[in-house]
Each structure stands twice: as C-alpha cells, then as structure tokens.
Amino acid sequence: MAKTRPEHHAEPVLESAMDYAEHEKTYNGFVTGVKWVIYASVVSMIILYFLINP
C-alpha cells in the first residue's frame, strides 16, 4: 500500500470559513428587529402619554 503525502500549495489558499451570505442574512434580520422594537417603543410611549396624562 502506497503512502500519500499531503499536497503542498505553492500559493496560499485564501479561503474563508465564514459564510458571508448567512452573515448578511443574520445582520439584516437583526437590523430589522431593532427597527421594529424602536417603532413599538415609540407607539407605546405615545399611547402611554395619552393614557397617563391627566
């Protein structure tokens, strides 16, 4: 049985282990979630202003 040696690359392999498409999808979801939380907070403050203000 022949023993094989790992290939040695003359040039460095520039591959990233990070999945950029998934990263962008997660980031966009986070930003959208933050926007909705801000909108809900503003609406809640307006409603509370009219309920609590004598």
PDB file of N, CA and C in Angstrom:
ATOM      1  N   MET A   1       0.843  -1.166   0.000  1.00  0.00           N
ATOM      2  CA  MET A   1       0.000   0.000   0.000  1.00  0.00           C
ATOM      3  C   MET A   1       0.897   1.239   0.000  1.00  0.00           C
ATOM      4  N   ALA A   2       0.600   2.138  -0.905  1.00  0.00           N
ATOM      5  CA  ALA A   2       1.418   3.341  -1.030  1.00  0.00           C
ATOM      6  C   ALA A   2       0.964   4.390  -0.040  1.00  0.00           C
ATOM      7  N   LYS A   3       1.912   5.075   0.528  1.00  0.00           N
ATOM      8  CA  LYS A   3       1.591   6.177   1.438  1.00  0.00           C
ATOM      9  C   LYS A   3       1.533   7.462   0.642  1.00  0.00           C
ATOM     10  N   THR A   4       0.509   8.246   0.859  1.00  0.00           N
ATOM     11  CA  THR A   4       0.379   9.509   0.130  1.00  0.00           C
ATOM     12  C   THR A   4       0.731  10.652   1.056  1.00  0.00           C
ATOM     13  N   ARG A   5       1.350  11.615   0.481  1.00  0.00           N
ATOM     14  CA  ARG A   5       1.694  12.832   1.221  1.00  0.00           C
ATOM     15  C   ARG A   5       0.694  13.920   0.882  1.00  0.00           C
ATOM     16  N   PRO A   6       0.434  14.797   1.824  1.00  0.00           N
ATOM     17  CA  PRO A   6      -0.478  15.913   1.510  1.00  0.00           C
ATOM     18  C   PRO A   6       0.160  16.835   0.480  1.00  0.00           C
ATOM     19  N   GLU A   7      -0.718  17.396  -0.359  1.00  0.00           N
ATOM     20  CA  GLU A   7      -0.217  18.327  -1.375  1.00  0.00           C
ATOM     21  C   GLU A   7       0.253  19.614  -0.717  1.00  0.00           C
ATOM     22  N   HIS A   8       1.334  20.139  -1.223  1.00  0.00           N
ATOM     23  CA  HIS A   8       1.816  21.441  -0.759  1.00  0.00           C
ATOM     24  C   HIS A   8       1.507  22.456  -1.851  1.00  0.00           C
ATOM     25  N   HIS A   9       0.809  23.495  -1.463  1.00  0.00           N
ATOM     26  CA  HIS A   9       0.416  24.516  -2.425  1.00  0.00           C
ATOM     27  C   HIS A   9       1.531  25.552  -2.538  1.00  0.00           C
ATOM     28  N   ALA A  10       1.839  25.892  -3.762  1.00  0.00           N
ATOM     29  CA  ALA A  10       2.857  26.915  -3.981  1.00  0.00           C
ATOM     30  C   ALA A  10       2.322  28.282  -3.557  1.00  0.00           C
ATOM     31  N   GLU A  11       1.015  28.504  -3.776  1.00  0.00           N
ATOM     32  CA  GLU A  11       0.389  29.776  -3.409  1.00  0.00           C
ATOM     33  C   GLU A  11      -0.497  29.543  -2.179  1.00  0.00           C
ATOM     34  N   PRO A  12      -0.613  30.536  -1.318  1.00  0.00           N
ATOM     35  CA  PRO A  12      -1.500  30.352  -0.168  1.00  0.00           C
ATOM     36  C   PRO A  12      -2.955  30.257  -0.617  1.00  0.00           C
ATOM     37  N   VAL A  13      -3.710  29.424   0.043  1.00  0.00           N
ATOM     38  CA  VAL A  13      -5.118  29.263  -0.272  1.00  0.00           C
ATOM     39  C   VAL A  13      -5.887  30.299   0.541  1.00  0.00           C
ATOM     40  N   LEU A  14      -6.550  31.212  -0.157  1.00  0.00           N
ATOM     41  CA  LEU A  14      -7.247  32.313   0.512  1.00  0.00           C
ATOM     42  C   LEU A  14      -8.744  32.006   0.579  1.00  0.00           C
ATOM     43  N   GLU A  15      -9.102  31.054   1.406  1.00  0.00           N
ATOM     44  CA  GLU A  15     -10.499  30.706   1.589  1.00  0.00           C
ATOM     45  C   GLU A  15     -10.922  31.097   2.993  1.00  0.00           C
ATOM     46  N   SER A  16     -12.134  31.574   3.090  1.00  0.00           N
ATOM     47  CA  SER A  16     -12.653  31.956   4.389  1.00  0.00           C
ATOM     48  C   SER A  16     -13.640  30.886   4.855  1.00  0.00           C
ATOM     49  N   ALA A  17     -13.586  30.582   6.126  1.00  0.00           N
ATOM     50  CA  ALA A  17     -14.527  29.614   6.680  1.00  0.00           C
ATOM     51  C   ALA A  17     -15.880  30.259   6.954  1.00  0.00           C
ATOM     52  N   MET A  18     -15.965  31.577   6.845  1.00  0.00           N
ATOM     53  CA  MET A  18     -17.203  32.287   7.163  1.00  0.00           C
ATOM     54  C   MET A  18     -18.157  32.267   5.977  1.00  0.00           C
ATOM     55  N   ASP A  19     -19.426  32.035   6.257  1.00  0.00           N
ATOM     56  CA  ASP A  19     -20.468  32.029   5.241  1.00  0.00           C
ATOM     57  C   ASP A  19     -21.045  33.444   5.149  1.00  0.00           C
ATOM     58  N   TYR A  20     -20.595  34.202   4.161  1.00  0.00           N
ATOM     59  CA  TYR A  20     -20.969  35.614   4.067  1.00  0.00           C
ATOM     60  C   TYR A  20     -22.451  35.814   3.782  1.00  0.00           C
ATOM     61  N   ALA A  21     -23.046  34.934   3.006  1.00  0.00           N
ATOM     62  CA  ALA A  21     -24.476  35.079   2.718  1.00  0.00           C
ATOM     63  C   ALA A  21     -25.291  34.920   3.998  1.00  0.00           C
ATOM     64  N   GLU A  22     -24.941  33.944   4.807  1.00  0.00           N
ATOM     65  CA  GLU A  22     -25.649  33.736   6.072  1.00  0.00           C
ATOM     66  C   GLU A  22     -25.380  34.891   7.033  1.00  0.00           C
ATOM     67  N   HIS A  23     -24.171  35.414   7.007  1.00  0.00           N
ATOM     68  CA  HIS A  23     -23.822  36.555   7.852  1.00  0.00           C
ATOM     69  C   HIS A  23     -24.672  37.773   7.485  1.00  0.00           C
ATOM     70  N   GLU A  24     -24.794  38.049   6.203  1.00  0.00           N
ATOM     71  CA  GLU A  24     -25.610  39.187   5.749  1.00  0.00           C
ATOM     72  C   GLU A  24     -27.076  38.993   6.127  1.00  0.00           C
ATOM     73  N   LYS A  25     -27.578  37.769   5.984  1.00  0.00           N
ATOM     74  CA  LYS A  25     -28.967  37.482   6.321  1.00  0.00           C
ATOM     75  C   LYS A  25     -29.217  37.704   7.815  1.00  0.00           C
ATOM     76  N   THR A  26     -28.302  37.251   8.644  1.00  0.00           N
ATOM     77  CA  THR A  26     -28.441  37.435  10.089  1.00  0.00           C
ATOM     78  C   THR A  26     -28.369  38.909  10.457  1.00  0.00           C
ATOM     79  N   TYR A  27     -27.430  39.641   9.868  1.00  0.00           N
ATOM     80  CA  TYR A  27     -27.286  41.069  10.157  1.00  0.00           C
ATOM     81  C   TYR A  27     -28.539  41.837   9.750  1.00  0.00           C
ATOM     82  N   ASN A  28     -29.055  41.553   8.557  1.00  0.00           N
ATOM     83  CA  ASN A  28     -30.266  42.246   8.102  1.00  0.00           C
ATOM     84  C   ASN A  28     -31.455  41.918   8.991  1.00  0.00           C
ATOM     85  N   GLY A  29     -31.553  40.688   9.469  1.00  0.00           N
ATOM     86  CA  GLY A  29     -32.618  40.322  10.396  1.00  0.00           C
ATOM     87  C   GLY A  29     -32.494  41.069  11.713  1.00  0.00           C
ATOM     88  N   PHE A  30     -31.262  41.201  12.201  1.00  0.00           N
ATOM     89  CA  PHE A  30     -31.030  41.932  13.447  1.00  0.00           C
ATOM     90  C   PHE A  30     -31.419  43.400  13.300  1.00  0.00           C
ATOM     91  N   VAL A  31     -31.023  44.028  12.207  1.00  0.00           N
ATOM     92  CA  VAL A  31     -31.347  45.443  11.979  1.00  0.00           C
ATOM     93  C   VAL A  31     -32.859  45.625  11.858  1.00  0.00           C
ATOM     94  N   THR A  32     -33.525  44.722  11.154  1.00  0.00           N
ATOM     95  CA  THR A  32     -34.980  44.794  11.029  1.00  0.00           C
ATOM     96  C   THR A  32     -35.645  44.643  12.392  1.00  0.00           C
ATOM     97  N   GLY A  33     -35.143  43.721  13.202  1.00  0.00           N
ATOM     98  CA  GLY A  33     -35.689  43.537  14.546  1.00  0.00           C
ATOM     99  C   GLY A  33     -35.519  44.767  15.404  1.00  0.00           C
ATOM    100  N   VAL A  34     -34.367  45.408  15.321  1.00  0.00           N
ATOM    101  CA  VAL A  34     -34.124  46.629  16.100  1.00  0.00           C
ATOM    102  C   VAL A  34     -35.076  47.737  15.644  1.00  0.00           C
ATOM    103  N   LYS A  35     -35.302  47.863  14.351  1.00  0.00           N
ATOM    104  CA  LYS A  35     -36.242  48.877  13.848  1.00  0.00           C
ATOM    105  C   LYS A  35     -37.635  48.652  14.418  1.00  0.00           C
ATOM    106  N   TRP A  36     -38.115  47.393  14.413  1.00  0.00           N
ATOM    107  CA  TRP A  36     -39.455  47.096  14.918  1.00  0.00           C
ATOM    108  C   TRP A  36     -39.557  47.356  16.411  1.00  0.00           C
ATOM    109  N   VAL A  37     -38.507  47.081  17.153  1.00  0.00           N
ATOM    110  CA  VAL A  37     -38.516  47.363  18.592  1.00  0.00           C
ATOM    111  C   VAL A  37     -38.598  48.865  18.830  1.00  0.00           C
ATOM    112  N   ILE A  38     -37.886  49.643  18.031  1.00  0.00           N
ATOM    113  CA  ILE A  38     -37.946  51.103  18.165  1.00  0.00           C
ATOM    114  C   ILE A  38     -39.344  51.614  17.825  1.00  0.00           C
ATOM    115  N   TYR A  39     -39.926  51.105  16.734  1.00  0.00           N
ATOM    116  CA  TYR A  39     -41.282  51.523  16.360  1.00  0.00           C
ATOM    117  C   TYR A  39     -42.277  51.179  17.464  1.00  0.00           C
ATOM    118  N   ALA A  40     -42.192  49.966  18.014  1.00  0.00           N
ATOM    119  CA  ALA A  40     -43.116  49.547  19.073  1.00  0.00           C
ATOM    120  C   ALA A  40     -42.928  50.400  20.318  1.00  0.00           C
ATOM    121  N   SER A  41     -41.686  50.774  20.624  1.00  0.00           N
ATOM    122  CA  SER A  41     -41.426  51.619  21.791  1.00  0.00           C
ATOM    123  C   SER A  41     -42.044  53.006  21.612  1.00  0.00           C
ATOM    124  N   VAL A  42     -41.907  53.570  20.435  1.00  0.00           N
ATOM    125  CA  VAL A  42     -42.465  54.902  20.163  1.00  0.00           C
ATOM    126  C   VAL A  42     -43.986  54.863  20.265  1.00  0.00           C
ATOM    127  N   VAL A  43     -44.596  53.842  19.674  1.00  0.00           N
ATOM    128  CA  VAL A  43     -46.062  53.731  19.736  1.00  0.00           C
ATOM    129  C   VAL A  43     -46.502  53.548  21.185  1.00  0.00           C
ATOM    130  N   SER A  44     -45.787  52.730  21.944  1.00  0.00           N
ATOM    131  CA  SER A  44     -46.125  52.523  23.361  1.00  0.00           C
ATOM    132  C   SER A  44     -46.012  53.825  24.151  1.00  0.00           C
ATOM    133  N   MET A  45     -44.979  54.603  23.882  1.00  0.00           N
ATOM    134  CA  MET A  45     -44.815  55.881  24.593  1.00  0.00           C
ATOM    135  C   MET A  45     -45.939  56.851  24.252  1.00  0.00           C
ATOM    136  N   ILE A  46     -46.351  56.886  23.003  1.00  0.00           N
ATOM    137  CA  ILE A  46     -47.449  57.780  22.600  1.00  0.00           C
ATOM    138  C   ILE A  46     -48.746  57.351  23.282  1.00  0.00           C
ATOM    139  N   ILE A  47     -49.022  56.050  23.276  1.00  0.00           N
ATOM    140  CA  ILE A  47     -50.242  55.555  23.918  1.00  0.00           C
ATOM    141  C   ILE A  47     -50.210  55.845  25.415  1.00  0.00           C
ATOM    142  N   LEU A  48     -49.085  55.593  26.059  1.00  0.00           N
ATOM    143  CA  LEU A  48     -48.973  55.856  27.490  1.00  0.00           C
ATOM    144  C   LEU A  48     -49.096  57.342  27.808  1.00  0.00           C
ATOM    145  N   TYR A  49     -48.596  58.185  26.934  1.00  0.00           N
ATOM    146  CA  TYR A  49     -48.715  59.630  27.153  1.00  0.00           C
ATOM    147  C   TYR A  49     -50.182  60.032  27.244  1.00  0.00           C
ATOM    148  N   PHE A  50     -51.009  59.515  26.333  1.00  0.00           N
ATOM    149  CA  PHE A  50     -52.419  59.892  26.319  1.00  0.00           C
ATOM    150  C   PHE A  50     -53.211  59.186  27.431  1.00  0.00           C
ATOM    151  N   LEU A  51     -52.765  58.041  27.894  1.00  0.00           N
ATOM    152  CA  LEU A  51     -53.464  57.349  28.974  1.00  0.00           C
ATOM    153  C   LEU A  51     -53.119  57.925  30.346  1.00  0.00           C
ATOM    154  N   ILE A  52     -51.874  58.306  30.555  1.00  0.00           N
ATOM    155  CA  ILE A  52     -51.425  58.752  31.861  1.00  0.00           C
ATOM    156  C   ILE A  52     -51.598  60.260  32.037  1.00  0.00           C
ATOM    157  N   ASN A  53     -51.470  61.014  30.972  1.00  0.00           N
ATOM    158  CA  ASN A  53     -51.564  62.479  31.062  1.00  0.00           C
ATOM    159  C   ASN A  53     -52.966  62.877  31.534  1.00  0.00           C
ATOM    160  N   PRO A  54     -53.068  63.598  32.683  1.00  0.00           N
ATOM    161  CA  PRO A  54     -54.407  63.970  33.202  1.00  0.00           C
ATOM    162  C   PRO A  54     -55.085  65.049  32.380  1.00  0.00           C
TER     163      PRO A  54
END
